[in-house]
PDB file of all heavy atoms in Angstrom:
ATOM      1  N   GLY A   1      11.593  22.836 -11.124  1.00  0.00           N
ATOM      2  CA  GLY A   1      10.145  23.031 -10.940  1.00  0.00           C
ATOM      3  C   GLY A   1       9.386  21.888 -10.442  1.00  0.00           C
ATOM      4  O   GLY A   1       8.234  21.747 -10.632  1.00  0.00           O
ATOM      5  N   ARG A   2      10.007  20.998  -9.659  1.00  0.00           N
ATOM      6  CA  ARG A   2       9.391  19.817  -9.176  1.00  0.00           C
ATOM      7  C   ARG A   2       8.183  20.173  -8.224  1.00  0.00           C
ATOM      8  O   ARG A   2       8.330  21.048  -7.453  1.00  0.00           O
ATOM      9  CB  ARG A   2      10.415  18.849  -8.465  1.00  0.00           C
ATOM     10  CG  ARG A   2       9.729  17.678  -7.883  1.00  0.00           C
ATOM     11  CD  ARG A   2      10.746  16.729  -7.281  1.00  0.00           C
ATOM     12  NE  ARG A   2      10.019  15.622  -6.693  1.00  0.00           N
ATOM     13  CZ  ARG A   2      10.562  14.653  -5.912  1.00  0.00           C
ATOM     14  NH1 ARG A   2      11.906  14.690  -5.767  1.00  0.00           N
ATOM     15  NH2 ARG A   2       9.917  13.668  -5.386  1.00  0.00           N
ATOM     16  N   GLN A   3       7.122  19.446  -8.419  1.00  0.00           N
ATOM     17  CA  GLN A   3       5.942  19.601  -7.561  1.00  0.00           C
ATOM     18  C   GLN A   3       6.061  18.773  -6.333  1.00  0.00           C
ATOM     19  O   GLN A   3       6.924  17.971  -6.226  1.00  0.00           O
ATOM     20  CB  GLN A   3       4.671  19.292  -8.328  1.00  0.00           C
ATOM     21  CG  GLN A   3       4.437  20.038  -9.647  1.00  0.00           C
ATOM     22  CD  GLN A   3       3.195  19.683 -10.319  1.00  0.00           C
ATOM     23  OE1 GLN A   3       2.203  19.391  -9.635  1.00  0.00           O
ATOM     24  NE2 GLN A   3       3.141  19.689 -11.682  1.00  0.00           N
ATOM     25  N   THR A   4       5.104  19.052  -5.429  1.00  0.00           N
ATOM     26  CA  THR A   4       4.967  18.241  -4.261  1.00  0.00           C
ATOM     27  C   THR A   4       4.560  16.769  -4.738  1.00  0.00           C
ATOM     28  O   THR A   4       3.694  16.669  -5.701  1.00  0.00           O
ATOM     29  CB  THR A   4       3.886  18.641  -3.318  1.00  0.00           C
ATOM     30  OG1 THR A   4       4.325  20.006  -2.870  1.00  0.00           O
ATOM     31  CG2 THR A   4       3.756  17.831  -2.052  1.00  0.00           C
ATOM     32  N   SER A   5       5.159  15.760  -4.132  1.00  0.00           N
ATOM     33  CA  SER A   5       4.779  14.324  -4.403  1.00  0.00           C
ATOM     34  C   SER A   5       4.243  13.738  -3.110  1.00  0.00           C
ATOM     35  O   SER A   5       4.483  14.280  -2.069  1.00  0.00           O
ATOM     36  CB  SER A   5       5.866  13.459  -5.009  1.00  0.00           C
ATOM     37  OG  SER A   5       6.916  13.466  -4.108  1.00  0.00           O
ATOM     38  N   TYR A   6       3.554  12.604  -3.326  1.00  0.00           N
ATOM     39  CA  TYR A   6       2.891  11.969  -2.154  1.00  0.00           C
ATOM     40  C   TYR A   6       3.159  10.440  -2.085  1.00  0.00           C
ATOM     41  O   TYR A   6       3.163   9.803  -3.186  1.00  0.00           O
ATOM     42  CB  TYR A   6       1.347  12.259  -2.174  1.00  0.00           C
ATOM     43  CG  TYR A   6       0.971  13.662  -2.145  1.00  0.00           C
ATOM     44  CD1 TYR A   6       0.871  14.387  -3.322  1.00  0.00           C
ATOM     45  CD2 TYR A   6       0.734  14.342  -0.869  1.00  0.00           C
ATOM     46  CE1 TYR A   6       0.556  15.801  -3.195  1.00  0.00           C
ATOM     47  CE2 TYR A   6       0.393  15.612  -0.808  1.00  0.00           C
ATOM     48  CZ  TYR A   6       0.367  16.352  -1.957  1.00  0.00           C
ATOM     49  OH  TYR A   6       0.041  17.754  -1.915  1.00  0.00           O
ATOM     50  N   GLU A   7       3.396   9.943  -0.864  1.00  0.00           N
ATOM     51  CA  GLU A   7       3.546   8.475  -0.690  1.00  0.00           C
ATOM     52  C   GLU A   7       2.697   8.071   0.381  1.00  0.00           C
ATOM     53  O   GLU A   7       2.199   8.791   1.331  1.00  0.00           O
ATOM     54  CB  GLU A   7       4.999   8.145  -0.403  1.00  0.00           C
ATOM     55  CG  GLU A   7       5.969   8.493  -1.462  1.00  0.00           C
ATOM     56  CD  GLU A   7       7.353   8.131  -1.260  1.00  0.00           C
ATOM     57  OE1 GLU A   7       7.540   7.451  -0.138  1.00  0.00           O
ATOM     58  OE2 GLU A   7       8.224   8.529  -1.893  1.00  0.00           O
ATOM     59  N   TRP A   8       2.339   6.768   0.493  1.00  0.00           N
ATOM     60  CA  TRP A   8       1.568   6.090   1.504  1.00  0.00           C
ATOM     61  C   TRP A   8       2.309   4.892   2.049  1.00  0.00           C
ATOM     62  O   TRP A   8       2.798   4.172   1.224  1.00  0.00           O
ATOM     63  CB  TRP A   8       0.207   5.646   0.931  1.00  0.00           C
ATOM     64  CG  TRP A   8      -0.672   6.806   0.507  1.00  0.00           C
ATOM     65  CD1 TRP A   8      -1.734   7.264   1.282  1.00  0.00           C
ATOM     66  CD2 TRP A   8      -0.759   7.613  -0.712  1.00  0.00           C
ATOM     67  NE1 TRP A   8      -2.304   8.344   0.573  1.00  0.00           N
ATOM     68  CE2 TRP A   8      -1.719   8.549  -0.640  1.00  0.00           C
ATOM     69  CE3 TRP A   8       0.116   7.543  -1.916  1.00  0.00           C
ATOM     70  CZ2 TRP A   8      -1.986   9.469  -1.672  1.00  0.00           C
ATOM     71  CZ3 TRP A   8      -0.190   8.531  -2.879  1.00  0.00           C
ATOM     72  CH2 TRP A   8      -1.221   9.402  -2.772  1.00  0.00           C
ATOM     73  N   ARG A   9       2.304   4.812   3.293  1.00  0.00           N
ATOM     74  CA  ARG A   9       3.038   3.597   3.944  1.00  0.00           C
ATOM     75  C   ARG A   9       2.115   2.354   3.879  1.00  0.00           C
ATOM     76  O   ARG A   9       0.843   2.449   4.141  1.00  0.00           O
ATOM     77  CB  ARG A   9       3.310   3.911   5.402  1.00  0.00           C
ATOM     78  CG  ARG A   9       4.398   5.005   5.575  1.00  0.00           C
ATOM     79  CD  ARG A   9       5.752   4.338   5.429  1.00  0.00           C
ATOM     80  NE  ARG A   9       6.849   5.229   5.713  1.00  0.00           N
ATOM     81  CZ  ARG A   9       7.635   5.809   4.762  1.00  0.00           C
ATOM     82  NH1 ARG A   9       7.473   5.480   3.450  1.00  0.00           N
ATOM     83  NH2 ARG A   9       8.618   6.638   5.080  1.00  0.00           N
ATOM     84  N   HIS A  10       2.756   1.146   3.723  1.00  0.00           N
ATOM     85  CA  HIS A  10       1.931  -0.093   3.792  1.00  0.00           C
ATOM     86  C   HIS A  10       2.832  -1.157   4.496  1.00  0.00           C
ATOM     87  O   HIS A  10       3.911  -1.440   4.030  1.00  0.00           O
ATOM     88  CB  HIS A  10       1.584  -0.561   2.381  1.00  0.00           C
ATOM     89  CG  HIS A  10       0.792   0.377   1.577  1.00  0.00           C
ATOM     90  ND1 HIS A  10      -0.508   0.648   1.994  1.00  0.00           N
ATOM     91  CD2 HIS A  10       1.045   1.155   0.427  1.00  0.00           C
ATOM     92  CE1 HIS A  10      -0.999   1.461   1.122  1.00  0.00           C
ATOM     93  NE2 HIS A  10      -0.089   1.861   0.165  1.00  0.00           N
ATOM     94  N   GLY A  11       2.344  -1.615   5.666  1.00  0.00           N
ATOM     95  CA  GLY A  11       3.081  -2.690   6.394  1.00  0.00           C
ATOM     96  C   GLY A  11       2.782  -4.033   5.757  1.00  0.00           C
ATOM     97  O   GLY A  11       1.921  -4.285   4.937  1.00  0.00           O
ATOM     98  N   LEU A  12       3.661  -4.943   6.104  1.00  0.00           N
ATOM     99  CA  LEU A  12       3.559  -6.357   5.570  1.00  0.00           C
ATOM    100  C   LEU A  12       2.264  -6.993   6.022  1.00  0.00           C
ATOM    101  O   LEU A  12       1.620  -7.667   5.321  1.00  0.00           O
ATOM    102  CB  LEU A  12       4.744  -7.220   6.031  1.00  0.00           C
ATOM    103  CG  LEU A  12       6.045  -7.079   5.237  1.00  0.00           C
ATOM    104  CD1 LEU A  12       7.102  -7.917   5.783  1.00  0.00           C
ATOM    105  CD2 LEU A  12       5.740  -7.352   3.807  1.00  0.00           C
ATOM    106  N   GLY A  13       1.835  -6.748   7.254  1.00  0.00           N
ATOM    107  CA  GLY A  13       0.531  -7.224   7.760  1.00  0.00           C
ATOM    108  C   GLY A  13      -0.598  -6.763   6.877  1.00  0.00           C
ATOM    109  O   GLY A  13      -1.456  -7.500   6.505  1.00  0.00           O
ATOM    110  N   GLU A  14      -0.615  -5.431   6.528  1.00  0.00           N
ATOM    111  CA  GLU A  14      -1.676  -4.887   5.771  1.00  0.00           C
ATOM    112  C   GLU A  14      -1.709  -5.455   4.389  1.00  0.00           C
ATOM    113  O   GLU A  14      -2.704  -5.817   3.779  1.00  0.00           O
ATOM    114  CB  GLU A  14      -1.566  -3.353   5.654  1.00  0.00           C
ATOM    115  CG  GLU A  14      -2.596  -2.703   4.816  1.00  0.00           C
ATOM    116  CD  GLU A  14      -2.269  -1.300   4.385  1.00  0.00           C
ATOM    117  OE1 GLU A  14      -1.048  -0.972   4.366  1.00  0.00           O
ATOM    118  OE2 GLU A  14      -3.090  -0.540   3.953  1.00  0.00           O
ATOM    119  N   LEU A  15      -0.510  -5.668   3.789  1.00  0.00           N
ATOM    120  CA  LEU A  15      -0.363  -6.090   2.368  1.00  0.00           C
ATOM    121  C   LEU A  15      -0.890  -7.576   2.315  1.00  0.00           C
ATOM    122  O   LEU A  15      -1.681  -7.831   1.375  1.00  0.00           O
ATOM    123  CB  LEU A  15       1.138  -6.046   1.942  1.00  0.00           C
ATOM    124  CG  LEU A  15       1.489  -6.563   0.613  1.00  0.00           C
ATOM    125  CD1 LEU A  15       0.674  -5.792  -0.492  1.00  0.00           C
ATOM    126  CD2 LEU A  15       2.935  -6.544   0.333  1.00  0.00           C
ATOM    127  N   THR A  16      -0.429  -8.448   3.197  1.00  0.00           N
ATOM    128  CA  THR A  16      -0.782  -9.836   3.061  1.00  0.00           C
ATOM    129  C   THR A  16      -2.292 -10.049   3.358  1.00  0.00           C
ATOM    130  O   THR A  16      -2.966 -10.770   2.665  1.00  0.00           O
ATOM    131  CB  THR A  16       0.001 -10.722   4.020  1.00  0.00           C
ATOM    132  OG1 THR A  16      -0.030 -10.134   5.358  1.00  0.00           O
ATOM    133  CG2 THR A  16       1.562 -10.724   3.591  1.00  0.00           C
ATOM    134  N   THR A  17      -2.744  -9.308   4.319  1.00  0.00           N
ATOM    135  CA  THR A  17      -4.217  -9.449   4.698  1.00  0.00           C
ATOM    136  C   THR A  17      -5.084  -8.925   3.574  1.00  0.00           C
ATOM    137  O   THR A  17      -6.102  -9.561   3.241  1.00  0.00           O
ATOM    138  CB  THR A  17      -4.523  -8.705   5.970  1.00  0.00           C
ATOM    139  OG1 THR A  17      -3.723  -9.188   7.036  1.00  0.00           O
ATOM    140  CG2 THR A  17      -6.002  -8.767   6.419  1.00  0.00           C
ATOM    141  N   THR A  18      -4.707  -7.776   2.872  1.00  0.00           N
ATOM    142  CA  THR A  18      -5.455  -7.252   1.793  1.00  0.00           C
ATOM    143  C   THR A  18      -5.474  -8.182   0.672  1.00  0.00           C
ATOM    144  O   THR A  18      -6.460  -8.401   0.038  1.00  0.00           O
ATOM    145  CB  THR A  18      -4.856  -5.871   1.447  1.00  0.00           C
ATOM    146  OG1 THR A  18      -4.934  -5.069   2.589  1.00  0.00           O
ATOM    147  CG2 THR A  18      -5.724  -5.249   0.338  1.00  0.00           C
ATOM    148  N   LEU A  19      -4.396  -8.752   0.264  1.00  0.00           N
ATOM    149  CA  LEU A  19      -4.362  -9.704  -0.842  1.00  0.00           C
ATOM    150  C   LEU A  19      -5.130 -10.964  -0.573  1.00  0.00           C
ATOM    151  O   LEU A  19      -5.861 -11.368  -1.405  1.00  0.00           O
ATOM    152  CB  LEU A  19      -2.849 -10.092  -1.095  1.00  0.00           C
ATOM    153  CG  LEU A  19      -1.949  -9.077  -1.656  1.00  0.00           C
ATOM    154  CD1 LEU A  19      -0.485  -9.524  -1.722  1.00  0.00           C
ATOM    155  CD2 LEU A  19      -2.386  -8.651  -3.110  1.00  0.00           C
ATOM    156  N   ALA A  20      -5.100 -11.421   0.634  1.00  0.00           N
ATOM    157  CA  ALA A  20      -5.928 -12.625   1.015  1.00  0.00           C
ATOM    158  C   ALA A  20      -7.392 -12.249   1.000  1.00  0.00           C
ATOM    159  O   ALA A  20      -8.195 -13.091   0.474  1.00  0.00           O
ATOM    160  CB  ALA A  20      -5.592 -13.079   2.464  1.00  0.00           C
ATOM    161  N   ALA A  21      -7.785 -11.090   1.393  1.00  0.00           N
ATOM    162  CA  ALA A  21      -9.090 -10.589   1.341  1.00  0.00           C
ATOM    163  C   ALA A  21      -9.728 -10.455  -0.139  1.00  0.00           C
ATOM    164  O   ALA A  21     -10.929 -10.675  -0.349  1.00  0.00           O
ATOM    165  CB  ALA A  21      -9.375  -9.354   2.095  1.00  0.00           C
ATOM    166  N   ALA A  22      -8.754 -10.213  -1.058  1.00  0.00           N
ATOM    167  CA  ALA A  22      -9.171 -10.065  -2.412  1.00  0.00           C
ATOM    168  C   ALA A  22      -9.284 -11.392  -3.123  1.00  0.00           C
ATOM    169  O   ALA A  22      -9.443 -11.549  -4.260  1.00  0.00           O
ATOM    170  CB  ALA A  22      -8.075  -9.220  -3.191  1.00  0.00           C
ATOM    171  N   GLY A  23      -8.949 -12.523  -2.388  1.00  0.00           N
ATOM    172  CA  GLY A  23      -9.051 -13.903  -3.021  1.00  0.00           C
ATOM    173  C   GLY A  23      -7.728 -14.508  -3.417  1.00  0.00           C
ATOM    174  O   GLY A  23      -7.826 -15.485  -4.107  1.00  0.00           O
ATOM    175  N   LEU A  24      -6.591 -13.836  -3.117  1.00  0.00           N
ATOM    176  CA  LEU A  24      -5.275 -14.385  -3.550  1.00  0.00           C
ATOM    177  C   LEU A  24      -4.760 -15.181  -2.459  1.00  0.00           C
ATOM    178  O   LEU A  24      -4.852 -14.813  -1.276  1.00  0.00           O
ATOM    179  CB  LEU A  24      -4.305 -13.312  -3.931  1.00  0.00           C
ATOM    180  CG  LEU A  24      -4.818 -12.379  -5.062  1.00  0.00           C
ATOM    181  CD1 LEU A  24      -3.729 -11.321  -5.330  1.00  0.00           C
ATOM    182  CD2 LEU A  24      -5.088 -13.143  -6.328  1.00  0.00           C
TER     183      LEU A  24
END
């Protein structure tokens, strides 16, 4: 009875830029 699941893609550029913008 497994339901639909969802995932979201995240590139390395997005990840590093987002962390830097958060002050890390």
